[in-house]
Amino acid sequence: GTRVVLVGKAELPRGAGYLSPTPAAENRAGFLR
């Protein structure tokens, strides 16, 4: 029942690539995606 809001400053890549479903092994920006 708690409203949870995630706030991240990291830059978003252009295009649809940031919707990748899992983190890429060599790219920790995958956590943000």
All heavy atoms as atom14 arrays in JSON, in Angstrom:
{
  "sequence": "GTRVVLVGKAELPRGAGYLSPTPAAENRAGFLR",
  "atom14_mask": [
    [1, 1, 1, 1, 0, 0, 0, 0, 0, 0, 0, 0, 0, 0],
    [1, 1, 1, 1, 1, 1, 1, 0, 0, 0, 0, 0, 0, 0],
    [1, 1, 1, 1, 1, 1, 1, 1, 1, 1, 1, 0, 0, 0],
    [1, 1, 1, 1, 1, 1, 1, 0, 0, 0, 0, 0, 0, 0],
    [1, 1, 1, 1, 1, 1, 1, 0, 0, 0, 0, 0, 0, 0],
    [1, 1, 1, 1, 1, 1, 1, 1, 0, 0, 0, 0, 0, 0],
    [1, 1, 1, 1, 1, 1, 1, 0, 0, 0, 0, 0, 0, 0],
    [1, 1, 1, 1, 0, 0, 0, 0, 0, 0, 0, 0, 0, 0],
    [1, 1, 1, 1, 1, 1, 1, 1, 1, 0, 0, 0, 0, 0],
    [1, 1, 1, 1, 1, 0, 0, 0, 0, 0, 0, 0, 0, 0],
    [1, 1, 1, 1, 1, 1, 1, 1, 1, 0, 0, 0, 0, 0],
    [1, 1, 1, 1, 1, 1, 1, 1, 0, 0, 0, 0, 0, 0],
    [1, 1, 1, 1, 1, 1, 1, 0, 0, 0, 0, 0, 0, 0],
    [1, 1, 1, 1, 1, 1, 1, 1, 1, 1, 1, 0, 0, 0],
    [1, 1, 1, 1, 0, 0, 0, 0, 0, 0, 0, 0, 0, 0],
    [1, 1, 1, 1, 1, 0, 0, 0, 0, 0, 0, 0, 0, 0],
    [1, 1, 1, 1, 0, 0, 0, 0, 0, 0, 0, 0, 0, 0],
    [1, 1, 1, 1, 1, 1, 1, 1, 1, 1, 1, 1, 0, 0],
    [1, 1, 1, 1, 1, 1, 1, 1, 0, 0, 0, 0, 0, 0],
    [1, 1, 1, 1, 1, 1, 0, 0, 0, 0, 0, 0, 0, 0],
    [1, 1, 1, 1, 1, 1, 1, 0, 0, 0, 0, 0, 0, 0],
    [1, 1, 1, 1, 1, 1, 1, 0, 0, 0, 0, 0, 0, 0],
    [1, 1, 1, 1, 1, 1, 1, 0, 0, 0, 0, 0, 0, 0],
    [1, 1, 1, 1, 1, 0, 0, 0, 0, 0, 0, 0, 0, 0],
    [1, 1, 1, 1, 1, 0, 0, 0, 0, 0, 0, 0, 0, 0],
    [1, 1, 1, 1, 1, 1, 1, 1, 1, 0, 0, 0, 0, 0],
    [1, 1, 1, 1, 1, 1, 1, 1, 0, 0, 0, 0, 0, 0],
    [1, 1, 1, 1, 1, 1, 1, 1, 1, 1, 1, 0, 0, 0],
    [1, 1, 1, 1, 1, 0, 0, 0, 0, 0, 0, 0, 0, 0],
    [1, 1, 1, 1, 0, 0, 0, 0, 0, 0, 0, 0, 0, 0],
    [1, 1, 1, 1, 1, 1, 1, 1, 1, 1, 1, 0, 0, 0],
    [1, 1, 1, 1, 1, 1, 1, 1, 0, 0, 0, 0, 0, 0],
    [1, 1, 1, 1, 1, 1, 1, 1, 1, 1, 1, 0, 0, 0]
  ],
  "atom14_positions": [
    [[0.76, -1.24, 0.0], [0.0, 0.0, 0.0], [0.79, 1.29, 0.0], [0.2, 2.37, -0.08], [0.0, 0.0, 0.0], [0.0, 0.0, 0.0], [0.0, 0.0, 0.0], [0.0, 0.0, 0.0], [0.0, 0.0, 0.0], [0.0, 0.0, 0.0], [0.0, 0.0, 0.0], [0.0, 0.0, 0.0], [0.0, 0.0, 0.0], [0.0, 0.0, 0.0]],
    [[2.11, 1.22, 0.09], [2.93, 2.43, 0.04], [3.12, 2.86, -1.41], [3.36, 2.02, -2.29], [4.3, 2.18, 0.69], [4.11, 1.87, 2.06], [5.19, 3.41, 0.58], [0.0, 0.0, 0.0], [0.0, 0.0, 0.0], [0.0, 0.0, 0.0], [0.0, 0.0, 0.0], [0.0, 0.0, 0.0], [0.0, 0.0, 0.0], [0.0, 0.0, 0.0]],
    [[3.01, 4.14, -1.68], [3.31, 4.69, -3.0], [4.83, 4.85, -3.1], [5.41, 5.62, -2.36], [2.6, 6.02, -3.2], [1.12, 5.87, -3.39], [0.28, 6.87, -2.66], [0.72, 8.24, -2.82], [0.71, 9.13, -1.84], [0.31, 8.8, -0.62], [1.1, 10.37, -2.05], [0.0, 0.0, 0.0], [0.0, 0.0, 0.0], [0.0, 0.0, 0.0]],
    [[5.43, 4.11, -4.0], [6.88, 4.1, -4.17], [7.23, 4.84, -5.46], [6.7, 4.54, -6.53], [7.42, 2.66, -4.22], [8.93, 2.67, -4.5], [7.13, 1.93, -2.91], [0.0, 0.0, 0.0], [0.0, 0.0, 0.0], [0.0, 0.0, 0.0], [0.0, 0.0, 0.0], [0.0, 0.0, 0.0], [0.0, 0.0, 0.0], [0.0, 0.0, 0.0]],
    [[8.14, 5.81, -5.34], [8.57, 6.6, -6.5], [10.09, 6.51, -6.61], [10.8, 6.84, -5.66], [8.13, 8.08, -6.37], [8.51, 8.85, -7.64], [6.63, 8.18, -6.1], [0.0, 0.0, 0.0], [0.0, 0.0, 0.0], [0.0, 0.0, 0.0], [0.0, 0.0, 0.0], [0.0, 0.0, 0.0], [0.0, 0.0, 0.0], [0.0, 0.0, 0.0]],
    [[10.57, 6.09, -7.76], [12.0, 6.0, -8.04], [12.44, 7.24, -8.8], [11.78, 7.66, -9.75], [12.3, 4.75, -8.88], [11.73, 3.43, -8.34], [11.92, 2.32, -9.38], [12.38, 3.06, -7.03], [0.0, 0.0, 0.0], [0.0, 0.0, 0.0], [0.0, 0.0, 0.0], [0.0, 0.0, 0.0], [0.0, 0.0, 0.0], [0.0, 0.0, 0.0]],
    [[13.55, 7.82, -8.38], [14.05, 9.05, -9.01], [15.5, 8.84, -9.4], [16.34, 8.57, -8.53], [13.92, 10.26, -8.07], [14.34, 11.54, -8.8], [12.5, 10.38, -7.53], [0.0, 0.0, 0.0], [0.0, 0.0, 0.0], [0.0, 0.0, 0.0], [0.0, 0.0, 0.0], [0.0, 0.0, 0.0], [0.0, 0.0, 0.0], [0.0, 0.0, 0.0]],
    [[15.8, 8.93, -10.7], [17.17, 8.71, -11.17], [17.65, 9.83, -12.07], [16.92, 10.25, -12.98], [0.0, 0.0, 0.0], [0.0, 0.0, 0.0], [0.0, 0.0, 0.0], [0.0, 0.0, 0.0], [0.0, 0.0, 0.0], [0.0, 0.0, 0.0], [0.0, 0.0, 0.0], [0.0, 0.0, 0.0], [0.0, 0.0, 0.0], [0.0, 0.0, 0.0]],
    [[18.86, 10.29, -11.85], [19.4, 11.41, -12.61], [20.11, 10.98, -13.88], [20.33, 11.77, -14.79], [20.38, 12.2, -11.73], [20.98, 13.43, -12.39], [21.94, 14.14, -11.45], [22.5, 15.41, -12.08], [23.35, 15.09, -13.25], [0.0, 0.0, 0.0], [0.0, 0.0, 0.0], [0.0, 0.0, 0.0], [0.0, 0.0, 0.0], [0.0, 0.0, 0.0]],
    [[20.49, 9.7, -13.98], [21.3, 9.24, -15.09], [20.68, 9.61, -16.43], [19.46, 9.61, -16.6], [21.49, 7.72, -15.02], [0.0, 0.0, 0.0], [0.0, 0.0, 0.0], [0.0, 0.0, 0.0], [0.0, 0.0, 0.0], [0.0, 0.0, 0.0], [0.0, 0.0, 0.0], [0.0, 0.0, 0.0], [0.0, 0.0, 0.0], [0.0, 0.0, 0.0]],
    [[21.54, 9.92, -17.4], [21.07, 10.36, -18.72], [20.4, 9.21, -19.45], [20.89, 8.08, -19.47], [22.23, 10.89, -19.54], [21.82, 11.44, -20.89], [22.99, 12.02, -21.66], [24.09, 12.05, -21.12], [22.76, 12.42, -22.82], [0.0, 0.0, 0.0], [0.0, 0.0, 0.0], [0.0, 0.0, 0.0], [0.0, 0.0, 0.0], [0.0, 0.0, 0.0]],
    [[19.27, 9.5, -20.08], [18.54, 8.49, -20.84], [19.04, 8.46, -22.28], [19.14, 9.5, -22.93], [17.04, 8.8, -20.84], [16.35, 8.68, -19.49], [14.97, 9.3, -19.58], [16.26, 7.24, -19.06], [0.0, 0.0, 0.0], [0.0, 0.0, 0.0], [0.0, 0.0, 0.0], [0.0, 0.0, 0.0], [0.0, 0.0, 0.0], [0.0, 0.0, 0.0]],
    [[19.34, 7.28, -22.81], [19.72, 7.18, -24.22], [18.56, 7.56, -25.12], [17.4, 7.44, -24.73], [20.07, 5.69, -24.39], [20.26, 5.17, -23.0], [19.38, 6.0, -22.12], [0.0, 0.0, 0.0], [0.0, 0.0, 0.0], [0.0, 0.0, 0.0], [0.0, 0.0, 0.0], [0.0, 0.0, 0.0], [0.0, 0.0, 0.0], [0.0, 0.0, 0.0]],
    [[18.86, 8.0, -26.32], [17.8, 8.32, -27.28], [17.2, 7.05, -27.84], [17.81, 6.0, -27.86], [18.37, 9.17, -28.42], [18.83, 10.55, -27.98], [19.31, 11.33, -29.17], [19.81, 12.65, -28.77], [20.29, 13.55, -29.63], [20.35, 13.28, -30.91], [20.72, 14.71, -29.18], [0.0, 0.0, 0.0], [0.0, 0.0, 0.0], [0.0, 0.0, 0.0]],
    [[15.98, 7.17, -28.32], [15.33, 6.05, -28.99], [14.74, 5.07, -28.01], [14.64, 5.3, -26.83], [0.0, 0.0, 0.0], [0.0, 0.0, 0.0], [0.0, 0.0, 0.0], [0.0, 0.0, 0.0], [0.0, 0.0, 0.0], [0.0, 0.0, 0.0], [0.0, 0.0, 0.0], [0.0, 0.0, 0.0], [0.0, 0.0, 0.0], [0.0, 0.0, 0.0]],
    [[14.35, 3.92, -28.53], [13.65, 2.92, -27.72], [14.59, 2.0, -26.97], [14.13, 1.11, -26.27], [12.74, 2.1, -28.62], [0.0, 0.0, 0.0], [0.0, 0.0, 0.0], [0.0, 0.0, 0.0], [0.0, 0.0, 0.0], [0.0, 0.0, 0.0], [0.0, 0.0, 0.0], [0.0, 0.0, 0.0], [0.0, 0.0, 0.0], [0.0, 0.0, 0.0]],
    [[15.9, 2.16, -27.11], [16.83, 1.24, -26.51], [16.74, 1.16, -25.0], [17.09, 0.14, -24.41], [0.0, 0.0, 0.0], [0.0, 0.0, 0.0], [0.0, 0.0, 0.0], [0.0, 0.0, 0.0], [0.0, 0.0, 0.0], [0.0, 0.0, 0.0], [0.0, 0.0, 0.0], [0.0, 0.0, 0.0], [0.0, 0.0, 0.0], [0.0, 0.0, 0.0]],
    [[16.25, 2.23, -24.34], [16.23, 2.21, -22.88], [15.11, 1.32, -22.35], [14.96, 1.18, -21.15], [16.13, 3.61, -22.29], [14.99, 4.47, -22.77], [13.68, 4.22, -22.36], [15.22, 5.55, -23.61], [12.64, 5.01, -22.78], [14.17, 6.34, -24.04], [12.89, 6.07, -23.62], [11.87, 6.86, -24.04], [0.0, 0.0, 0.0], [0.0, 0.0, 0.0]],
    [[14.34, 0.68, -23.24], [13.31, -0.24, -22.77], [13.79, -1.69, -22.78], [13.01, -2.61, -22.65], [12.05, -0.11, -23.64], [11.35, 1.25, -23.51], [10.13, 1.29, -24.41], [10.95, 1.53, -22.08], [0.0, 0.0, 0.0], [0.0, 0.0, 0.0], [0.0, 0.0, 0.0], [0.0, 0.0, 0.0], [0.0, 0.0, 0.0], [0.0, 0.0, 0.0]],
    [[15.1, -1.9, -22.94], [15.66, -3.25, -22.87], [15.25, -3.91, -21.56], [15.35, -3.31, -20.5], [17.18, -3.18, -22.95], [17.76, -4.44, -22.71], [0.0, 0.0, 0.0], [0.0, 0.0, 0.0], [0.0, 0.0, 0.0], [0.0, 0.0, 0.0], [0.0, 0.0, 0.0], [0.0, 0.0, 0.0], [0.0, 0.0, 0.0], [0.0, 0.0, 0.0]],
    [[14.73, -5.16, -21.59], [14.13, -5.75, -20.4], [15.11, -6.14, -19.31], [14.73, -6.28, -18.17], [13.42, -6.99, -20.94], [14.14, -7.32, -22.21], [14.58, -6.02, -22.77], [0.0, 0.0, 0.0], [0.0, 0.0, 0.0], [0.0, 0.0, 0.0], [0.0, 0.0, 0.0], [0.0, 0.0, 0.0], [0.0, 0.0, 0.0], [0.0, 0.0, 0.0]],
    [[16.39, -6.35, -19.63], [17.34, -6.76, -18.61], [18.63, -5.98, -18.77], [18.97, -5.52, -19.86], [17.66, -8.26, -18.73], [18.14, -8.53, -20.05], [16.42, -9.11, -18.46], [0.0, 0.0, 0.0], [0.0, 0.0, 0.0], [0.0, 0.0, 0.0], [0.0, 0.0, 0.0], [0.0, 0.0, 0.0], [0.0, 0.0, 0.0], [0.0, 0.0, 0.0]],
    [[19.39, -5.82, -17.67], [20.66, -5.12, -17.78], [21.64, -5.86, -18.7], [21.73, -7.08, -18.67], [21.18, -5.1, -16.33], [19.96, -5.33, -15.49], [19.07, -6.2, -16.31], [0.0, 0.0, 0.0], [0.0, 0.0, 0.0], [0.0, 0.0, 0.0], [0.0, 0.0, 0.0], [0.0, 0.0, 0.0], [0.0, 0.0, 0.0], [0.0, 0.0, 0.0]],
    [[22.36, -5.11, -19.52], [23.38, -5.7, -20.37], [24.64, -5.94, -19.54], [25.03, -5.12, -18.72], [23.69, -4.76, -21.54], [0.0, 0.0, 0.0], [0.0, 0.0, 0.0], [0.0, 0.0, 0.0], [0.0, 0.0, 0.0], [0.0, 0.0, 0.0], [0.0, 0.0, 0.0], [0.0, 0.0, 0.0], [0.0, 0.0, 0.0], [0.0, 0.0, 0.0]],
    [[25.3, -7.07, -19.77], [26.4, -7.48, -18.9], [27.54, -6.47, -18.87], [28.21, -6.32, -17.86], [26.92, -8.85, -19.35], [0.0, 0.0, 0.0], [0.0, 0.0, 0.0], [0.0, 0.0, 0.0], [0.0, 0.0, 0.0], [0.0, 0.0, 0.0], [0.0, 0.0, 0.0], [0.0, 0.0, 0.0], [0.0, 0.0, 0.0], [0.0, 0.0, 0.0]],
    [[27.79, -5.79, -19.98], [28.93, -4.87, -20.04], [28.5, -3.41, -19.88], [29.3, -2.52, -20.08], [29.67, -5.07, -21.37], [30.25, -6.46, -21.56], [31.26, -6.83, -20.49], [31.99, -5.94, -20.03], [31.28, -8.01, -20.09], [0.0, 0.0, 0.0], [0.0, 0.0, 0.0], [0.0, 0.0, 0.0], [0.0, 0.0, 0.0], [0.0, 0.0, 0.0]],
    [[27.26, -3.16, -19.57], [26.78, -1.79, -19.52], [25.86, -1.6, -18.32], [24.71, -1.98, -18.34], [26.02, -1.46, -20.81], [25.56, -0.02, -20.86], [25.87, 0.76, -19.96], [24.83, 0.34, -21.89], [0.0, 0.0, 0.0], [0.0, 0.0, 0.0], [0.0, 0.0, 0.0], [0.0, 0.0, 0.0], [0.0, 0.0, 0.0], [0.0, 0.0, 0.0]],
    [[26.4, -0.98, -17.26], [25.61, -0.84, -16.04], [24.49, 0.18, -16.18], [23.65, 0.29, -15.3], [26.53, -0.52, -14.87], [27.52, -1.65, -14.64], [28.23, -1.56, -13.32], [29.23, -2.61, -13.24], [29.61, -3.2, -12.11], [29.08, -2.85, -10.97], [30.52, -4.14, -12.12], [0.0, 0.0, 0.0], [0.0, 0.0, 0.0], [0.0, 0.0, 0.0]],
    [[24.49, 0.92, -17.28], [23.33, 1.77, -17.55], [22.08, 0.91, -17.74], [20.96, 1.41, -17.69], [23.56, 2.62, -18.79], [0.0, 0.0, 0.0], [0.0, 0.0, 0.0], [0.0, 0.0, 0.0], [0.0, 0.0, 0.0], [0.0, 0.0, 0.0], [0.0, 0.0, 0.0], [0.0, 0.0, 0.0], [0.0, 0.0, 0.0], [0.0, 0.0, 0.0]],
    [[22.27, -0.4, -17.93], [21.13, -1.3, -18.04], [20.28, -1.32, -16.79], [19.08, -1.62, -16.86], [0.0, 0.0, 0.0], [0.0, 0.0, 0.0], [0.0, 0.0, 0.0], [0.0, 0.0, 0.0], [0.0, 0.0, 0.0], [0.0, 0.0, 0.0], [0.0, 0.0, 0.0], [0.0, 0.0, 0.0], [0.0, 0.0, 0.0], [0.0, 0.0, 0.0]],
    [[20.85, -1.0, -15.62], [20.05, -0.93, -14.41], [18.99, 0.17, -14.54], [17.85, -0.02, -14.14], [20.94, -0.66, -13.19], [21.85, -1.81, -12.85], [23.22, -1.63, -12.77], [21.33, -3.07, -12.6], [24.06, -2.69, -12.46], [22.16, -4.14, -12.28], [23.53, -3.95, -12.21], [0.0, 0.0, 0.0], [0.0, 0.0, 0.0], [0.0, 0.0, 0.0]],
    [[19.39, 1.31, -15.1], [18.41, 2.38, -15.31], [17.37, 1.96, -16.33], [16.17, 2.21, -16.14], [19.12, 3.65, -15.78], [18.2, 4.81, -16.17], [17.38, 5.29, -14.99], [19.0, 5.96, -16.77], [0.0, 0.0, 0.0], [0.0, 0.0, 0.0], [0.0, 0.0, 0.0], [0.0, 0.0, 0.0], [0.0, 0.0, 0.0], [0.0, 0.0, 0.0]],
    [[17.78, 1.31, -17.41], [16.82, 0.88, -18.42], [15.77, -0.05, -17.81], [14.59, 0.01, -18.15], [17.55, 0.2, -19.58], [18.41, 1.16, -20.4], [18.8, 0.53, -21.73], [19.66, -0.63, -21.56], [20.99, -0.57, -21.54], [21.6, 0.61, -21.64], [21.7, -1.67, -21.41], [0.0, 0.0, 0.0], [0.0, 0.0, 0.0], [0.0, 0.0, 0.0]]
  ]
}
